[in-house]
Structures are given as C-alpha cells and as structure tokens.
C-alpha cells in the first residue's frame, strides 16, 4: 500500500496516509449519533512547535499565553486542581476576562471534582464562560441541542487537555525560544498576531506543573504549537463546547500566518464505533520500518495492538515501550503485567520507569513522526473518553523527544521475560483477575 511503501514523513507518505485516514473517518462518523469531528482530518503545514519536558515550563507558557491574549482564550481540561498551579491558571483567566478577552473554560465534572463549581466562580463573575462537562448528578443535566435531555453517561469523560488563544507572532519567530527547553520571550503587546495551542498529557495541578523534576513532578510532556494548526484545534474546542451545551455566543475569529515548516495532523476522538485515533496509531505502527518508541502511563493494549507491536519488533528489531513500574492506579499495573508476556516473547523491549509517576503518552515512529496527546493505549481512552492528540511530522521535533526518551530508558529497569514468568503464583492470579476488567480500567 502507498503509505507502507513510501518513506515515513515524506510528501508522498503524508498524501497517501491522509487519503486512507479520510476514508476511515467517513466510516467512523457512521458510528456516532452526534459527532464532534470538524471535517476531514488532514495534515496542516506551516507550524512551529516546541516540546516541553518540564511541567514548570508548560505552566509559564500557559500563563504567558493567557496574559498576552487580546481576543480569545479557550481552555479544555480534564483535571483542574484547586492548588497553586490551578490558582495561577484561574487567576490568569480572570485577568483576561476582566480586560475584555472572550474566555471559555470547559472542565470535566469528575476530573475537576476537587475544585468544584465554586472554585471557578471568580471567572464567571469576571465575565468568563464556564461549562462543566457531563455532570455526575443526573438532575443537573441541561436540555440537549436536539431538544431532548442529554443522555447521562457517568463513565464517559472529557479527557482532553487544550489551551488555545491568540498570541504575539514574535513568539514563533524569536531566536530566544529556539532551544531544547524554551521559555516564552517577553515581547511588546502590540504587533502582528498568530494563534497558539498548548496540548499534551498534563492536567492542571502541582504534580504536573509546579513541583521540580525529581522532586515530585510526574513524568509527562506537553507541546506548544504556533500556526494554522492551532486554528484547527480551536475548531475542535468549538465542537466540544457545543457538545457540552456551552453558550451560542460567537467567539472572535482567530487567524494565523505561516509560523514554521512543521506539518501537523490534529486528531480529536470520541467514544463509539471505529475510533479514529486508535486506527491512526495502529496504522502508523504498520508502516514503521526502523523503530517504534512508546511512553505510556496506562498501557493495556488490545490483542490487535499486541500483534502489531510484536510484528514491529520482529520486523525492525527495535520496539521499546516505557511504562510505569508503579502508577497511581494499581489495578491498571496488574492488568498491564498480565498482557506483557506475548510482547516479551515477540522481542518487544519493556522498560519500567520508577523515578516518578509516569503519566506521559507519546509515540515516536521511525524517528520522524511523533504523536503527543491525552490518549493512553487502553480501552478507556479508545472506548469511553473524548481524547485529543497531535501527529507531528519532522525530525526537528522528534529529536529532543528521542533524547529524553533515551534518558528515561537509561534510568529505567528492563523487564525481562524470565522476570515476568517468575512472578509468584498469587501475583499471577491477581494480574489475571484485573485483566478481565480491563475494559473499565
């Protein structure tokens, strides 16, 4: 097939992969009563991107982006903690609303349960719009867009993490931020504008954004995107805002010139038949010719995924998976261990990260195509959650991601087939039991 024969990341490969993806997208829409897609998925050219290894840098980018916005700020978040990081972001949103910026916040009811509706009241009082996605209390459901009450689905969550707003164009052109650990430069408020988006796996909370590396910060990553792809991500936010019964007020229009040379494919997925993100990640694995690297917080691969990863290992001799030695969800760890046997037998290299909690969701294909987003490789991400990922094409972006992945592997424990087989009998039974419940983990 064309996308398997062409060199990954080339123009021919992108064109062939995009054609297959759009055919799949048409099938996917048939399985959704109400789709949150925004048209044909496509690679968008002319973007600049920065990889954020340190959560403290991501927090600085988020606050700076909100403070520099003059038109519009959209924030969609799964977990929003009422801690130091949460208050910094909320205060920035309040400042933006008070100076007349069109501000919208969409948060998940369960993910932000520690904060509660009262935590966001200052933003409402400042003129911002706040919507709680899928309230856990059925008596709080609003009338749906089609004139019927929303269906209560307590297990379906908005797991996306996205900030979109207008920003100074100088952020995309300044030499100050062309470094491995970029910080937003100080620029004049006036001047040309572009659109910025910040996404990835990090929620808003001290564990993600405030603690120092090695001193409590969860291992995760984020990406700053400047350019036309950020406008497409804003459209994905609009679709989720509409789906969550947000107000019908028309937001200011975002615009962005060409900001770089990076090609990016944004993908938003939703529960239902033929998950488009799952297909994309699997199809990319099929086209790998050199190596596949995966960092995944909650790794419960399906049978098809296990076969695909085993084939990559046999075909290339280089398939490395980084998982937590111990995550914040022990039942997931148990289910993961049960499923690792077939991968280890096929030659997949499994590393267990123990320095901090691993919360990253990143895949790197052939050192050229990088996928960063909110989705894990587990049934919950593909069958129950609304997720958002970006597929970035280019060695320039993949290079620092690979460097950090190599550093993580060097500081992790290799999990061998002998070690897997040597588990105590009771541990094997416990792992098997939780694997039976993996569809709900």
Protein backbone atom coordinates (compact mmCIF):
# COMPACT_ATOMS: atom_id res chain seq x y z
CA UNK A 1 0.00 0.00 0.00
CA UNK A 2 1.26 3.53 -0.79
CA UNK A 3 1.75 4.67 2.80
CA UNK A 4 3.71 1.48 3.59
CA UNK A 5 5.98 1.78 0.58
CA UNK A 6 6.83 5.48 0.85
CA UNK A 7 9.37 6.83 3.31
CA UNK A 8 7.64 7.85 6.51
CA UNK A 9 7.30 11.62 6.78
CA UNK A 10 7.78 12.30 3.07
CA UNK A 11 5.28 14.23 0.96
CA UNK A 12 4.18 11.01 -0.76
CA UNK A 13 3.70 9.25 2.57
CA UNK A 14 1.68 12.12 4.04
CA UNK A 15 -0.59 12.27 1.00
CA UNK A 16 -1.19 8.51 0.98
CA UNK A 17 -1.74 8.32 4.73
CA UNK A 18 -4.14 11.27 4.65
CA UNK A 19 -6.24 9.61 1.93
CA UNK A 20 -6.57 6.40 3.96
CA UNK A 21 -7.33 8.36 7.12
CA UNK A 22 -10.11 10.35 5.47
CA UNK A 23 -11.74 7.17 4.18
CA UNK A 24 -11.62 5.78 7.68
CA UNK A 25 -13.06 9.00 9.07
CA UNK A 26 -16.15 8.64 6.89
CA UNK A 27 -16.75 5.17 8.36
CA UNK A 28 -16.10 6.42 11.87
CA UNK A 29 -18.78 9.11 11.62
CA UNK A 30 -21.40 6.45 10.88
CA UNK A 31 -20.97 5.16 14.41
CA UNK A 32 -21.71 8.49 16.11
CA UNK A 33 -25.18 9.90 16.67
CA UNK A 34 -23.61 13.29 17.27
CA UNK A 35 -20.02 13.69 16.09
CA UNK A 36 -17.54 16.22 17.46
CA UNK A 37 -15.37 15.99 14.35
CA UNK A 38 -14.80 19.17 12.36
CA UNK A 39 -14.39 17.90 8.83
CA UNK A 40 -11.80 15.81 7.06
CA UNK A 41 -8.69 15.08 9.15
CA UNK A 42 -5.65 16.45 7.36
CA UNK A 43 -2.02 17.41 7.77
CA UNK A 44 -1.71 21.16 8.23
CA UNK A 45 1.51 22.83 7.10
CA UNK A 46 3.34 25.95 8.25
CA UNK A 47 3.62 25.41 12.00
CA UNK A 48 6.19 25.89 14.74
CA UNK A 49 6.31 23.54 17.74
CA UNK A 50 8.25 23.25 20.99
CA UNK A 51 8.47 20.13 23.14
CA UNK A 52 8.03 20.77 26.86
CA UNK A 53 9.74 18.18 29.04
CA UNK A 54 9.43 20.19 32.27
CA UNK A 55 5.93 20.93 33.52
CA UNK A 56 7.08 24.19 35.10
CA UNK A 57 7.88 25.46 31.60
CA UNK A 58 4.43 24.46 30.41
CA UNK A 59 2.85 26.43 33.24
CA UNK A 60 4.89 29.51 32.26
CA UNK A 61 3.78 29.12 28.64
CA UNK A 62 0.12 28.74 29.63
CA UNK A 63 0.07 31.78 31.91
CA UNK A 64 2.03 33.88 29.41
CA UNK A 65 -0.30 32.88 26.56
CA UNK A 66 -3.39 33.81 28.56
CA UNK A 67 -1.85 37.10 29.70
CA UNK A 68 -0.87 38.05 26.13
CA UNK A 69 -4.27 37.20 24.58
CA UNK A 70 -6.32 40.15 23.34
CA UNK A 71 -9.18 38.36 21.55
CA UNK A 72 -9.99 34.90 22.82
CA UNK A 73 -8.92 32.21 25.30
CA UNK A 74 -10.31 28.64 25.20
CA UNK A 75 -9.26 26.12 27.86
CA UNK A 76 -10.42 22.50 27.97
CA UNK A 77 -9.12 20.38 30.85
CA UNK A 78 -9.77 17.03 32.48
CA UNK A 79 -8.22 17.58 35.94
CA UNK A 80 -8.18 21.12 37.33
CA UNK A 81 -6.90 21.10 40.90
CA UNK A 82 -7.56 23.96 43.35
CA UNK A 83 -3.86 24.16 44.26
CA UNK A 84 -1.02 26.55 43.44
CA UNK A 85 -0.93 25.67 39.74
CA UNK A 86 -4.72 25.75 39.47
CA UNK A 87 -4.95 29.15 41.12
CA UNK A 88 -2.26 30.59 38.84
CA UNK A 89 -4.12 29.48 35.72
CA UNK A 90 -7.51 30.57 37.08
CA UNK A 91 -6.13 33.98 38.07
CA UNK A 92 -4.74 34.43 34.55
CA UNK A 93 -8.15 33.55 33.07
CA UNK A 94 -9.84 36.05 35.39
CA UNK A 95 -7.37 38.79 34.39
CA UNK A 96 -8.07 38.06 30.72
CA UNK A 97 -11.84 38.20 31.20
CA UNK A 98 -11.61 41.48 33.11
CA UNK A 99 -9.69 43.16 30.29
CA UNK A 100 -12.38 42.15 27.79
CA UNK A 101 -10.98 38.93 26.31
CA UNK A 102 -13.55 36.30 25.28
CA UNK A 103 -12.80 33.49 27.77
CA UNK A 104 -14.29 29.99 27.82
CA UNK A 105 -13.45 27.17 30.22
CA UNK A 106 -14.65 23.59 29.72
CA UNK A 107 -13.76 21.21 32.54
CA UNK A 108 -14.70 17.60 33.26
CA UNK A 109 -17.06 17.06 36.16
CA UNK A 110 -15.16 14.10 37.65
CA UNK A 111 -11.67 15.27 36.74
CA UNK A 112 -12.19 18.63 38.45
CA UNK A 113 -14.29 17.33 41.33
CA UNK A 114 -11.71 18.51 43.89
CA UNK A 115 -12.20 22.07 42.70
CA UNK A 116 -15.97 22.06 42.31
CA UNK A 117 -18.11 24.71 40.65
CA UNK A 118 -17.45 27.29 43.37
CA UNK A 119 -13.73 27.38 42.57
CA UNK A 120 -14.49 28.79 39.10
CA UNK A 121 -16.98 31.40 40.33
CA UNK A 122 -14.43 34.29 40.12
CA UNK A 123 -14.11 33.61 36.39
CA UNK A 124 -17.88 33.73 35.93
CA UNK A 125 -18.07 36.98 37.89
CA UNK A 126 -15.33 38.46 35.67
CA UNK A 127 -17.38 37.71 32.54
CA UNK A 128 -15.87 34.39 31.52
CA UNK A 129 -17.96 31.42 30.45
CA UNK A 130 -17.62 28.16 32.37
CA UNK A 131 -19.13 24.79 31.42
CA UNK A 132 -18.93 21.52 33.34
CA UNK A 133 -18.76 18.51 31.02
CA UNK A 134 -21.13 15.63 31.75
CA UNK A 135 -22.14 16.42 35.37
CA UNK A 136 -22.14 13.35 37.59
CA UNK A 137 -25.55 14.32 39.01
CA UNK A 138 -28.31 13.43 36.51
CA UNK A 139 -30.67 16.10 37.90
CA UNK A 140 -28.18 18.77 36.72
CA UNK A 141 -28.25 17.79 33.05
CA UNK A 142 -29.22 20.50 30.59
CA UNK A 143 -31.55 20.32 27.61
CA UNK A 144 -29.68 18.96 24.58
CA UNK A 145 -29.19 20.67 21.24
CA UNK A 146 -31.68 18.37 19.56
CA UNK A 147 -34.46 19.22 22.00
CA UNK A 148 -34.05 16.16 24.22
CA UNK A 149 -32.39 15.75 27.58
CA UNK A 150 -28.75 14.77 27.42
CA UNK A 151 -28.12 11.08 27.99
CA UNK A 152 -26.39 10.58 31.32
CA UNK A 153 -23.14 8.65 30.80
CA UNK A 154 -21.18 8.79 34.07
CA UNK A 155 -18.34 6.69 32.66
CA UNK A 156 -17.80 8.91 29.60
CA UNK A 157 -15.33 11.70 30.32
CA UNK A 158 -13.68 14.62 28.54
CA UNK A 159 -10.02 13.61 28.95
CA UNK A 160 -8.65 16.30 26.63
CA UNK A 161 -6.09 18.95 27.63
CA UNK A 162 -6.04 22.01 25.40
CA UNK A 163 -5.39 25.74 25.61
CA UNK A 164 -5.96 27.91 22.51
CA UNK A 165 -5.68 31.69 22.22
CA UNK A 166 -4.25 34.47 20.09
CA UNK A 167 -0.60 35.35 20.76
CA UNK A 168 2.21 37.59 19.53
CA UNK A 169 3.66 36.45 16.22
CA UNK A 170 7.10 37.20 17.68
CA UNK A 171 6.79 34.04 19.75
CA UNK A 172 7.04 31.99 16.57
CA UNK A 173 9.98 33.94 15.14
CA UNK A 174 12.07 34.88 18.17
CA UNK A 175 15.52 33.27 18.34
CA UNK A 176 15.24 33.26 22.13
CA UNK A 177 12.97 30.22 22.16
CA UNK A 178 14.83 28.02 19.68
CA UNK A 179 16.30 25.92 22.46
CA UNK A 180 15.73 22.48 23.91
CA UNK A 181 13.91 23.97 26.92
CA UNK A 182 12.14 27.06 25.51
CA UNK A 183 10.57 29.83 27.56
CA UNK A 184 8.15 32.38 26.10
CA UNK A 185 10.11 35.59 25.40
CA UNK A 186 8.98 38.99 26.60
CA UNK A 187 7.55 40.90 23.63
CA UNK A 188 5.56 44.12 23.18
CA UNK A 189 1.79 43.81 23.44
CA UNK A 190 1.31 45.48 20.06
CA UNK A 191 2.30 43.90 16.77
CA UNK A 192 1.28 41.06 14.48
CA UNK A 193 -0.68 38.16 15.95
CA UNK A 194 -0.81 34.43 15.46
CA UNK A 195 -2.64 31.58 17.18
CA UNK A 196 -1.10 29.37 19.86
CA UNK A 197 -2.22 25.99 21.20
CA UNK A 198 -0.77 24.07 24.14
CA UNK A 199 -1.71 20.41 24.49
CA UNK A 200 -0.33 17.07 25.62
CA UNK A 201 -0.85 14.81 28.61
CA UNK A 202 -0.58 17.24 31.50
CA UNK A 203 -3.54 18.27 33.61
CA UNK A 204 -3.58 21.41 35.76
CA UNK A 205 -2.18 20.61 39.19
CA UNK A 206 1.02 20.87 41.21
CA UNK A 207 2.06 17.28 40.39
CA UNK A 208 2.13 18.23 36.72
CA UNK A 209 3.16 21.89 36.64
CA UNK A 210 4.71 23.16 39.87
CA UNK A 211 6.98 20.59 41.50
CA UNK A 212 10.59 20.35 40.32
CA UNK A 213 11.83 17.43 38.24
CA UNK A 214 12.90 14.66 40.58
CA UNK A 215 11.05 16.29 43.48
CA UNK A 216 7.50 15.19 42.88
CA UNK A 217 6.75 16.23 39.31
CA UNK A 218 5.08 13.45 37.36
CA UNK A 219 6.94 12.46 34.19
CA UNK A 220 4.85 13.86 31.36
CA UNK A 221 5.18 16.12 28.34
CA UNK A 222 3.46 18.92 26.50
CA UNK A 223 3.75 20.69 23.18
CA UNK A 224 3.42 24.34 22.19
CA UNK A 225 2.03 24.83 18.68
CA UNK A 226 2.05 28.12 16.79
CA UNK A 227 0.48 28.49 13.38
CA UNK A 228 -2.52 27.35 11.32
CA UNK A 229 -2.87 24.03 13.19
CA UNK A 230 -3.83 25.98 16.32
CA UNK A 231 -6.87 27.34 14.46
CA UNK A 232 -7.95 23.76 13.69
CA UNK A 233 -7.53 22.89 17.36
CA UNK A 234 -9.76 25.85 18.21
CA UNK A 235 -12.41 24.35 15.93
CA UNK A 236 -12.12 21.07 17.84
CA UNK A 237 -12.69 23.03 21.05
CA UNK A 238 -15.74 24.71 19.50
CA UNK A 239 -17.20 21.28 18.68
CA UNK A 240 -16.72 20.04 22.25
CA UNK A 241 -18.13 23.30 23.63
CA UNK A 242 -21.24 22.84 21.51
CA UNK A 243 -21.48 19.19 22.54
CA UNK A 244 -21.23 20.14 26.23
CA UNK A 245 -24.10 22.63 25.81
CA UNK A 246 -21.95 25.74 26.04
CA UNK A 247 -23.41 29.13 25.10
CA UNK A 248 -24.11 30.02 21.48
CA UNK A 249 -22.15 33.28 21.63
CA UNK A 250 -19.88 33.58 18.60
CA UNK A 251 -16.21 33.82 19.66
CA UNK A 252 -13.81 36.26 17.99
CA UNK A 253 -12.21 34.82 14.89
CA UNK A 254 -8.67 33.52 15.22
CA UNK A 255 -6.13 33.94 12.43
CA UNK A 256 -2.55 32.85 11.97
CA UNK A 257 0.09 33.27 9.27
CA UNK A 258 2.66 30.63 8.45
CA UNK A 259 4.86 30.27 11.53
CA UNK A 260 7.25 27.47 10.57
CA UNK A 261 7.78 24.39 8.44
CA UNK A 262 6.27 21.68 10.61
CA UNK A 263 3.42 19.55 9.33
CA UNK A 264 0.86 18.60 12.00
CA UNK A 265 -2.25 16.41 12.00
CA UNK A 266 -4.68 17.19 14.86
CA UNK A 267 -6.96 14.32 15.87
CA UNK A 268 -9.88 14.51 18.25
CA UNK A 269 -11.62 11.24 19.11
CA UNK A 270 -14.81 10.29 20.91
CA UNK A 271 -16.42 7.11 22.24
CA UNK A 272 -18.10 4.97 19.65
CA UNK A 273 -17.68 2.73 16.66
CA UNK A 274 -14.30 2.74 14.85
CA UNK A 275 -12.18 5.05 16.99
CA UNK A 276 -10.18 7.18 14.56
CA UNK A 277 -7.25 7.81 16.89
CA UNK A 278 -6.84 4.11 17.63
CA UNK A 279 -6.81 3.37 13.90
CA UNK A 280 -4.22 6.10 13.26
CA UNK A 281 -1.82 4.89 15.93
CA UNK A 282 -2.15 1.30 14.72
CA UNK A 283 -1.73 2.23 11.08
CA UNK A 284 1.42 4.17 11.88
CA UNK A 285 2.80 1.08 13.61
CA UNK A 286 2.14 -0.98 10.49
CA UNK A 287 4.18 1.45 8.36
CA UNK A 288 7.22 1.53 10.71
CA UNK A 289 10.46 0.43 9.04
CA UNK A 290 13.17 1.35 11.59
CA UNK A 291 11.92 1.68 15.16
CA UNK A 292 8.97 2.44 17.40
CA UNK A 293 9.24 4.13 20.79
CA UNK A 294 6.33 4.36 23.20
CA UNK A 295 5.91 6.05 26.59
CA UNK A 296 2.54 5.24 28.09
CA UNK A 297 1.10 5.84 31.55
CA UNK A 298 -1.71 3.28 31.32
CA UNK A 299 -0.77 0.52 28.91
CA UNK A 300 -3.46 -2.11 28.32
CA UNK A 301 -3.08 -3.00 24.62
CA UNK A 302 -5.74 -4.91 22.74
CA UNK A 303 -4.95 -8.20 21.01
CA UNK A 304 -4.59 -6.36 17.69
CA UNK A 305 -2.18 -3.88 19.27
CA UNK A 306 -0.12 -6.67 20.86
CA UNK A 307 0.18 -8.37 17.50
CA UNK A 308 1.13 -5.10 15.79
CA UNK A 309 3.85 -4.34 18.36
CA UNK A 310 5.17 -7.88 18.12
CA UNK A 311 5.37 -7.54 14.33
CA UNK A 312 7.26 -4.25 14.69
CA UNK A 313 9.79 -5.93 16.98
CA UNK A 314 10.26 -8.84 14.59
CA UNK A 315 10.45 -6.59 11.53
CA UNK A 316 12.76 -3.89 12.88
CA UNK A 317 14.38 -5.36 15.98
CA UNK A 318 13.64 -2.08 17.79
CA UNK A 319 10.35 -1.66 19.63
CA UNK A 320 10.84 -0.04 23.06
CA UNK A 321 7.97 0.57 25.47
CA UNK A 322 8.31 2.65 28.62
CA UNK A 323 5.65 2.04 31.26
CA UNK A 324 5.43 2.90 34.97
CA UNK A 325 6.89 0.46 37.46
CA UNK A 326 4.06 1.63 39.67
CA UNK A 327 1.38 4.07 38.53
CA UNK A 328 -1.29 5.86 40.53
CA UNK A 329 -3.79 3.14 39.50
CA UNK A 330 -2.55 -0.23 40.79
CA UNK A 331 -5.30 -2.20 39.07
CA UNK A 332 -4.02 -0.94 35.72
CA UNK A 333 -0.48 -2.02 36.62
CA UNK A 334 -1.75 -5.53 37.34
CA UNK A 335 -3.69 -5.79 34.07
CA UNK A 336 -0.65 -4.49 32.18
CA UNK A 337 1.66 -7.12 33.66
CA UNK A 338 -0.68 -9.91 32.62
CA UNK A 339 -0.59 -8.77 29.00
CA UNK A 340 3.17 -8.26 28.72
CA UNK A 341 4.02 -11.93 28.17
CA UNK A 342 3.17 -12.08 24.47
CA UNK A 343 5.07 -8.82 23.83
CA UNK A 344 8.19 -10.02 25.62
CA UNK A 345 8.07 -13.33 23.73
CA UNK A 346 7.88 -11.39 20.45
CA UNK A 347 11.02 -9.40 21.27
CA UNK A 348 9.46 -6.13 22.44
CA UNK A 349 11.72 -4.30 24.91
CA UNK A 350 9.81 -3.29 28.04
CA UNK A 351 11.23 -0.70 30.45
CA UNK A 352 9.68 0.25 33.78
CA UNK A 353 10.11 3.83 34.96
CA UNK A 354 10.46 4.25 38.72
CA UNK A 355 11.90 7.75 39.31
CA UNK A 356 8.48 9.40 39.45
CA UNK A 357 4.93 8.58 38.38
CA UNK A 358 4.97 8.18 34.58
CA UNK A 359 2.00 9.99 33.05
CA UNK A 360 3.32 10.57 29.53
CA UNK A 361 1.51 9.49 26.35
CA UNK A 362 4.00 9.75 23.49
CA UNK A 363 4.81 7.61 20.45
CA UNK A 364 7.73 8.14 18.05
CA UNK A 365 7.72 6.31 14.72
CA UNK A 366 10.98 5.90 12.76
CA UNK A 367 12.43 8.99 14.44
CA UNK A 368 10.27 11.19 12.21
CA UNK A 369 6.61 11.05 13.26
CA UNK A 370 5.74 11.95 16.86
CA UNK A 371 2.34 11.59 18.48
CA UNK A 372 1.70 13.62 21.64
CA UNK A 373 -1.64 13.86 23.36
CA UNK A 374 -4.04 12.84 26.09
CA UNK A 375 -4.73 9.27 24.97
CA UNK A 376 -3.26 6.19 26.59
CA UNK A 377 -3.12 2.81 24.87
CA UNK A 378 -6.00 1.31 26.79
CA UNK A 379 -9.72 0.54 26.32
CA UNK A 380 -10.84 3.56 28.35
CA UNK A 381 -9.06 6.01 26.03
CA UNK A 382 -10.48 4.45 22.89
CA UNK A 383 -13.97 3.38 24.02
CA UNK A 384 -15.04 5.71 26.82
CA UNK A 385 -13.17 9.03 26.71
CA UNK A 386 -13.01 12.08 24.48
CA UNK A 387 -9.31 12.41 23.63
CA UNK A 388 -7.05 14.77 21.68
CA UNK A 389 -3.67 14.09 20.07
CA UNK A 390 -1.43 15.74 17.51
CA UNK A 391 0.72 13.92 14.95
CA UNK A 392 3.86 15.96 14.24
CA UNK A 393 5.94 15.16 11.17
CA UNK A 394 9.59 16.17 11.23
CA UNK A 395 12.93 15.05 12.62
CA UNK A 396 13.50 18.51 14.13
CA UNK A 397 10.65 17.97 16.60
CA UNK A 398 11.30 14.27 17.16
CA UNK A 399 14.98 14.74 18.02
CA UNK A 400 14.58 16.25 21.54
CA UNK A 401 11.74 13.83 22.30
CA UNK A 402 14.02 10.91 21.43
CA UNK A 403 16.82 12.36 23.55
CA UNK A 404 14.56 12.50 26.61
CA UNK A 405 13.21 9.04 25.85
CA UNK A 406 16.75 7.65 25.75
CA UNK A 407 17.46 9.30 29.10
CA UNK A 408 14.31 7.78 30.56
CA UNK A 409 15.23 4.33 29.27
CA UNK A 410 18.71 4.61 30.74
CA UNK A 411 17.28 5.32 34.17
CA UNK A 412 14.58 2.62 33.99
CA UNK A 413 14.51 -1.08 34.81
CA UNK A 414 14.41 -3.57 31.96
CA UNK A 415 11.59 -6.05 32.45
CA UNK A 416 12.59 -9.47 31.12
CA UNK A 417 10.56 -12.48 30.11
CA UNK A 418 12.21 -14.51 32.88
CA UNK A 419 11.15 -11.92 35.46
CA UNK A 420 7.61 -11.97 34.10
CA UNK A 421 7.49 -15.77 34.34
CA UNK A 422 8.96 -15.74 37.85
CA UNK A 423 6.10 -13.81 39.42
CA UNK A 424 4.58 -15.53 42.47
CA UNK A 425 1.51 -17.58 41.73
CA UNK A 426 -0.71 -15.27 43.77
CA UNK A 427 0.60 -12.26 41.81
CA UNK A 428 -0.16 -14.01 38.54
CA UNK A 429 -3.70 -14.72 39.70
CA UNK A 430 -4.20 -11.11 40.78
CA UNK A 431 -2.85 -9.78 37.45
CA UNK A 432 -5.12 -12.16 35.53
CA UNK A 433 -8.16 -11.07 37.55
CA UNK A 434 -7.64 -7.36 36.84
CA UNK A 435 -7.03 -8.08 33.16
CA UNK A 436 -10.59 -9.42 32.98
CA UNK A 437 -11.82 -5.95 33.98
CA UNK A 438 -9.52 -4.03 31.64
CA UNK A 439 -12.38 -2.59 29.58
CA UNK A 440 -13.33 -0.42 32.58
CA UNK A 441 -9.88 0.44 33.95
